[in-house]
Amino acid sequence: MNQFIQRIANHIANEIFIKGLANSKTFQKFAVHTDRHLNKIKKEGVETLNTHIDEIHKQATKAAFSTSAKESSSGATGSGGKVMPPTKPLEGVAGFFSALGKVIRRDLGMGK
């Protein structure tokens, strides 16, 4: 019985509250103002985001082309002036020990 009365009270309170706000000119002005403000902020945010993305794209493109130009002019070519693909690392246990040896030599300051 208690839940039934609570449900009726909630329903009546919601009806009064919703109808009161719907008929209130002040609330309607507030809602319209808030909607305009949020749309303005959203539009500015999208424009700012697009501007940042364009800047990042330009910088990335510039960096990619400058890096590839430096590599091709700095002697990253193989024999005969051809650009060679990187060599495939060793696989399996031999590859593991080879990589481990390189890391140890690098950490100890030996070799390259």
N, C-alpha and C. Protein backbone atom coordinates (compact mmCIF):
# COMPACT_ATOMS: atom_id res chain seq x y z
N MET A 1 0.82 -1.19 0.00
CA MET A 1 0.00 0.00 0.00
C MET A 1 0.86 1.25 0.00
N ASN A 2 1.99 1.20 0.72
CA ASN A 2 2.88 2.35 0.83
C ASN A 2 3.48 2.71 -0.53
N GLN A 3 3.87 1.71 -1.31
CA GLN A 3 4.45 1.96 -2.64
C GLN A 3 3.41 2.58 -3.57
N PHE A 4 2.18 2.16 -3.45
CA PHE A 4 1.12 2.69 -4.29
C PHE A 4 0.93 4.19 -4.03
N ILE A 5 0.89 4.57 -2.78
CA ILE A 5 0.74 5.99 -2.42
C ILE A 5 1.95 6.78 -2.88
N GLN A 6 3.13 6.20 -2.74
CA GLN A 6 4.36 6.88 -3.18
C GLN A 6 4.34 7.09 -4.70
N ARG A 7 3.90 6.11 -5.45
CA ARG A 7 3.81 6.25 -6.90
C ARG A 7 2.82 7.34 -7.30
N ILE A 8 1.68 7.37 -6.63
CA ILE A 8 0.69 8.41 -6.93
C ILE A 8 1.25 9.79 -6.62
N ALA A 9 1.93 9.93 -5.50
CA ALA A 9 2.51 11.21 -5.12
C ALA A 9 3.58 11.64 -6.13
N ASN A 10 4.42 10.72 -6.56
CA ASN A 10 5.44 11.04 -7.56
C ASN A 10 4.81 11.44 -8.88
N HIS A 11 3.78 10.73 -9.30
CA HIS A 11 3.11 11.05 -10.56
C HIS A 11 2.49 12.45 -10.51
N ILE A 12 1.80 12.75 -9.43
CA ILE A 12 1.16 14.07 -9.30
C ILE A 12 2.22 15.16 -9.26
N ALA A 13 3.30 14.96 -8.50
CA ALA A 13 4.37 15.95 -8.41
C ALA A 13 5.02 16.17 -9.77
N ASN A 14 5.28 15.09 -10.52
CA ASN A 14 5.88 15.22 -11.84
C ASN A 14 4.95 15.96 -12.80
N GLU A 15 3.68 15.67 -12.77
CA GLU A 15 2.73 16.35 -13.65
C GLU A 15 2.68 17.85 -13.35
N ILE A 16 2.63 18.19 -12.09
CA ILE A 16 2.58 19.60 -11.70
C ILE A 16 3.88 20.29 -12.09
N PHE A 17 5.00 19.66 -11.83
CA PHE A 17 6.32 20.23 -12.12
C PHE A 17 6.51 20.43 -13.62
N ILE A 18 6.22 19.39 -14.41
CA ILE A 18 6.42 19.46 -15.86
C ILE A 18 5.48 20.48 -16.49
N LYS A 19 4.22 20.47 -16.11
CA LYS A 19 3.27 21.43 -16.68
C LYS A 19 3.61 22.85 -16.24
N GLY A 20 4.08 22.99 -15.02
CA GLY A 20 4.47 24.31 -14.54
C GLY A 20 5.65 24.86 -15.31
N LEU A 21 6.64 24.03 -15.58
CA LEU A 21 7.80 24.49 -16.35
C LEU A 21 7.43 24.74 -17.81
N ALA A 22 6.58 23.90 -18.38
CA ALA A 22 6.19 24.07 -19.78
C ALA A 22 5.43 25.37 -20.00
N ASN A 23 4.67 25.80 -19.02
CA ASN A 23 3.88 27.03 -19.15
C ASN A 23 4.63 28.27 -18.67
N SER A 24 5.82 28.11 -18.13
CA SER A 24 6.57 29.23 -17.59
C SER A 24 7.36 29.93 -18.70
N LYS A 25 7.10 31.22 -18.89
CA LYS A 25 7.83 32.00 -19.91
C LYS A 25 9.30 32.12 -19.53
N THR A 26 9.59 32.26 -18.27
CA THR A 26 10.98 32.37 -17.81
C THR A 26 11.76 31.11 -18.15
N PHE A 27 11.17 29.96 -17.88
CA PHE A 27 11.85 28.70 -18.19
C PHE A 27 12.02 28.53 -19.69
N GLN A 28 11.04 28.94 -20.48
CA GLN A 28 11.15 28.84 -21.93
C GLN A 28 12.28 29.72 -22.45
N LYS A 29 12.41 30.94 -21.93
CA LYS A 29 13.51 31.82 -22.33
C LYS A 29 14.85 31.21 -21.94
N PHE A 30 14.90 30.66 -20.73
CA PHE A 30 16.13 30.02 -20.27
C PHE A 30 16.50 28.85 -21.18
N ALA A 31 15.53 28.04 -21.56
CA ALA A 31 15.79 26.88 -22.42
C ALA A 31 16.29 27.31 -23.79
N VAL A 32 15.66 28.34 -24.37
CA VAL A 32 16.08 28.82 -25.69
C VAL A 32 17.48 29.41 -25.61
N HIS A 33 17.75 30.21 -24.58
CA HIS A 33 19.07 30.81 -24.41
C HIS A 33 20.15 29.72 -24.23
N THR A 34 19.85 28.73 -23.42
CA THR A 34 20.81 27.64 -23.19
C THR A 34 21.06 26.87 -24.47
N ASP A 35 20.02 26.60 -25.24
CA ASP A 35 20.18 25.87 -26.50
C ASP A 35 21.06 26.65 -27.48
N ARG A 36 20.81 27.96 -27.62
CA ARG A 36 21.64 28.78 -28.50
C ARG A 36 23.09 28.79 -28.05
N HIS A 37 23.29 28.93 -26.75
CA HIS A 37 24.64 28.98 -26.20
C HIS A 37 25.39 27.66 -26.44
N LEU A 38 24.72 26.54 -26.21
CA LEU A 38 25.36 25.24 -26.41
C LEU A 38 25.68 25.00 -27.88
N ASN A 39 24.78 25.39 -28.77
CA ASN A 39 25.05 25.24 -30.21
C ASN A 39 26.22 26.10 -30.64
N LYS A 40 26.32 27.31 -30.09
CA LYS A 40 27.44 28.20 -30.41
C LYS A 40 28.76 27.59 -29.93
N ILE A 41 28.77 27.07 -28.71
CA ILE A 41 29.99 26.45 -28.17
C ILE A 41 30.37 25.22 -29.00
N LYS A 42 29.38 24.42 -29.38
CA LYS A 42 29.65 23.22 -30.17
C LYS A 42 30.26 23.60 -31.52
N LYS A 43 29.69 24.62 -32.17
CA LYS A 43 30.17 25.05 -33.48
C LYS A 43 31.61 25.56 -33.37
N GLU A 44 31.89 26.39 -32.36
CA GLU A 44 33.24 26.91 -32.17
C GLU A 44 34.22 25.78 -31.87
N GLY A 45 33.78 24.80 -31.09
CA GLY A 45 34.64 23.67 -30.76
C GLY A 45 35.00 22.86 -31.99
N VAL A 46 34.03 22.64 -32.86
CA VAL A 46 34.27 21.87 -34.09
C VAL A 46 35.24 22.64 -34.99
N GLU A 47 35.02 23.96 -35.10
CA GLU A 47 35.91 24.77 -35.94
C GLU A 47 37.33 24.75 -35.40
N THR A 48 37.47 24.89 -34.09
CA THR A 48 38.80 24.87 -33.47
C THR A 48 39.46 23.51 -33.67
N LEU A 49 38.70 22.45 -33.49
CA LEU A 49 39.23 21.10 -33.67
C LEU A 49 39.69 20.89 -35.11
N ASN A 50 38.89 21.34 -36.07
CA ASN A 50 39.28 21.20 -37.47
C ASN A 50 40.55 22.00 -37.78
N THR A 51 40.68 23.18 -37.19
CA THR A 51 41.88 23.99 -37.39
C THR A 51 43.11 23.26 -36.85
N HIS A 52 42.99 22.69 -35.65
CA HIS A 52 44.11 21.96 -35.07
C HIS A 52 44.47 20.73 -35.89
N ILE A 53 43.47 20.03 -36.38
CA ILE A 53 43.73 18.84 -37.20
C ILE A 53 44.45 19.23 -38.49
N ASP A 54 44.03 20.34 -39.11
CA ASP A 54 44.70 20.81 -40.32
C ASP A 54 46.16 21.16 -40.05
N GLU A 55 46.41 21.84 -38.93
CA GLU A 55 47.79 22.20 -38.58
C GLU A 55 48.65 20.94 -38.36
N ILE A 56 48.11 19.98 -37.64
CA ILE A 56 48.85 18.74 -37.39
C ILE A 56 49.13 18.01 -38.70
N HIS A 57 48.14 17.98 -39.58
CA HIS A 57 48.32 17.32 -40.88
C HIS A 57 49.42 18.00 -41.68
N LYS A 58 49.43 19.33 -41.69
CA LYS A 58 50.47 20.06 -42.42
C LYS A 58 51.85 19.76 -41.84
N GLN A 59 51.96 19.77 -40.52
CA GLN A 59 53.25 19.49 -39.89
C GLN A 59 53.71 18.06 -40.15
N ALA A 60 52.77 17.12 -40.10
CA ALA A 60 53.13 15.72 -40.34
C ALA A 60 53.57 15.52 -41.79
N THR A 61 52.86 16.16 -42.71
CA THR A 61 53.23 16.05 -44.12
C THR A 61 54.60 16.65 -44.36
N LYS A 62 54.83 17.82 -43.78
CA LYS A 62 56.11 18.49 -43.93
C LYS A 62 57.24 17.63 -43.34
N ALA A 63 57.00 17.06 -42.16
CA ALA A 63 58.01 16.22 -41.52
C ALA A 63 58.27 14.96 -42.34
N ALA A 64 57.23 14.37 -42.89
CA ALA A 64 57.40 13.14 -43.67
C ALA A 64 58.22 13.40 -44.93
N PHE A 65 57.91 14.49 -45.61
CA PHE A 65 58.65 14.79 -46.83
C PHE A 65 60.07 15.23 -46.53
N SER A 66 60.28 15.98 -45.44
CA SER A 66 61.63 16.40 -45.12
C SER A 66 62.48 15.21 -44.67
N THR A 67 61.88 14.27 -43.96
CA THR A 67 62.61 13.08 -43.52
C THR A 67 62.99 12.21 -44.71
N SER A 68 62.06 12.01 -45.63
CA SER A 68 62.36 11.17 -46.78
C SER A 68 63.38 11.84 -47.69
N ALA A 69 63.36 13.16 -47.77
CA ALA A 69 64.35 13.87 -48.59
C ALA A 69 65.73 13.78 -47.96
N LYS A 70 65.81 13.87 -46.62
CA LYS A 70 67.10 13.77 -45.94
C LYS A 70 67.68 12.37 -46.09
N GLU A 71 66.82 11.35 -45.97
CA GLU A 71 67.30 9.97 -46.08
C GLU A 71 67.85 9.69 -47.46
N SER A 72 67.15 10.17 -48.48
CA SER A 72 67.60 9.87 -49.83
C SER A 72 68.86 10.64 -50.17
N SER A 73 69.10 11.81 -49.58
CA SER A 73 70.29 12.58 -49.89
C SER A 73 71.44 12.29 -48.94
N SER A 74 71.19 11.67 -47.79
CA SER A 74 72.24 11.47 -46.80
C SER A 74 72.96 10.14 -46.96
N GLY A 75 72.66 9.40 -47.96
CA GLY A 75 73.38 8.15 -48.20
C GLY A 75 72.69 6.94 -47.64
N ALA A 76 71.39 6.93 -47.56
CA ALA A 76 70.66 5.78 -47.06
C ALA A 76 70.41 4.79 -48.19
N THR A 77 71.25 4.84 -49.19
CA THR A 77 71.08 3.96 -50.33
C THR A 77 72.05 2.80 -50.23
N GLY A 78 71.73 1.76 -50.90
CA GLY A 78 72.59 0.60 -50.91
C GLY A 78 73.65 0.74 -51.99
N SER A 79 74.12 -0.36 -52.48
CA SER A 79 75.15 -0.33 -53.50
C SER A 79 74.56 0.11 -54.83
N GLY A 80 75.32 0.91 -55.57
CA GLY A 80 74.87 1.35 -56.88
C GLY A 80 73.85 2.46 -56.83
N GLY A 81 73.60 3.11 -55.68
CA GLY A 81 72.68 4.21 -55.59
C GLY A 81 71.22 3.81 -55.49
N LYS A 82 70.93 2.52 -55.36
CA LYS A 82 69.55 2.07 -55.25
C LYS A 82 69.10 2.12 -53.79
N VAL A 83 67.82 2.38 -53.61
CA VAL A 83 67.25 2.34 -52.26
C VAL A 83 66.92 0.89 -51.96
N MET A 84 67.51 0.39 -50.89
CA MET A 84 67.33 -1.01 -50.53
C MET A 84 66.33 -1.13 -49.39
N PRO A 85 65.50 -2.16 -49.41
CA PRO A 85 64.58 -2.37 -48.29
C PRO A 85 65.37 -2.84 -47.07
N PRO A 86 64.84 -2.65 -45.89
CA PRO A 86 65.55 -3.10 -44.69
C PRO A 86 65.67 -4.62 -44.69
N THR A 87 66.73 -5.10 -44.07
CA THR A 87 66.93 -6.55 -44.00
C THR A 87 66.04 -7.14 -42.92
N LYS A 88 65.55 -8.32 -43.16
CA LYS A 88 64.68 -9.00 -42.22
C LYS A 88 65.52 -9.54 -41.06
N PRO A 89 65.10 -9.31 -39.82
CA PRO A 89 65.88 -9.81 -38.68
C PRO A 89 65.80 -11.33 -38.61
N LEU A 90 66.79 -11.90 -37.93
CA LEU A 90 66.81 -13.34 -37.74
C LEU A 90 65.61 -13.78 -36.92
N GLU A 91 65.13 -14.98 -37.18
CA GLU A 91 63.98 -15.50 -36.45
C GLU A 91 64.42 -16.56 -35.47
N GLY A 92 63.56 -16.89 -34.55
CA GLY A 92 63.78 -17.99 -33.61
C GLY A 92 64.80 -17.64 -32.54
N VAL A 93 65.47 -18.69 -32.04
CA VAL A 93 66.44 -18.54 -30.95
C VAL A 93 67.63 -17.71 -31.40
N ALA A 94 68.09 -17.89 -32.62
CA ALA A 94 69.23 -17.13 -33.12
C ALA A 94 68.90 -15.64 -33.17
N GLY A 95 67.70 -15.30 -33.59
CA GLY A 95 67.28 -13.91 -33.63
C GLY A 95 67.18 -13.30 -32.24
N PHE A 96 66.68 -14.10 -31.29
CA PHE A 96 66.57 -13.62 -29.92
C PHE A 96 67.93 -13.30 -29.35
N PHE A 97 68.90 -14.24 -29.49
CA PHE A 97 70.23 -14.00 -28.92
C PHE A 97 70.96 -12.88 -29.66
N SER A 98 70.72 -12.75 -30.94
CA SER A 98 71.32 -11.65 -31.70
C SER A 98 70.81 -10.31 -31.18
N ALA A 99 69.50 -10.19 -30.99
CA ALA A 99 68.92 -8.95 -30.48
C ALA A 99 69.36 -8.69 -29.05
N LEU A 100 69.43 -9.75 -28.23
CA LEU A 100 69.88 -9.60 -26.85
C LEU A 100 71.31 -9.10 -26.81
N GLY A 101 72.16 -9.64 -27.65
CA GLY A 101 73.56 -9.19 -27.70
C GLY A 101 73.66 -7.73 -28.11
N LYS A 102 72.85 -7.29 -29.09
CA LYS A 102 72.87 -5.89 -29.51
C LYS A 102 72.45 -4.98 -28.36
N VAL A 103 71.42 -5.37 -27.61
CA VAL A 103 70.95 -4.55 -26.50
C VAL A 103 72.00 -4.48 -25.41
N ILE A 104 72.63 -5.59 -25.11
CA ILE A 104 73.66 -5.60 -24.07
C ILE A 104 74.84 -4.74 -24.48
N ARG A 105 75.30 -4.89 -25.74
CA ARG A 105 76.41 -4.06 -26.22
C ARG A 105 76.05 -2.57 -26.18
N ARG A 106 74.82 -2.24 -26.55
CA ARG A 106 74.40 -0.85 -26.53
C ARG A 106 74.35 -0.32 -25.09
N ASP A 107 73.83 -1.13 -24.16
CA ASP A 107 73.75 -0.70 -22.76
C ASP A 107 75.12 -0.54 -22.12
N LEU A 108 76.07 -1.38 -22.53
CA LEU A 108 77.41 -1.29 -21.96
C LEU A 108 78.28 -0.30 -22.70
N GLY A 109 77.80 0.28 -23.79
CA GLY A 109 78.55 1.27 -24.53
C GLY A 109 79.58 0.65 -25.45
N MET A 110 79.43 -0.60 -25.78
CA MET A 110 80.38 -1.28 -26.66
C MET A 110 79.81 -1.30 -28.08
N GLY A 111 80.64 -1.33 -29.04
CA GLY A 111 80.19 -1.45 -30.44
C GLY A 111 79.59 -0.17 -30.94
N LYS A 112 78.52 -0.28 -31.70
CA LYS A 112 77.92 0.88 -32.37
C LYS A 112 77.33 1.83 -31.40
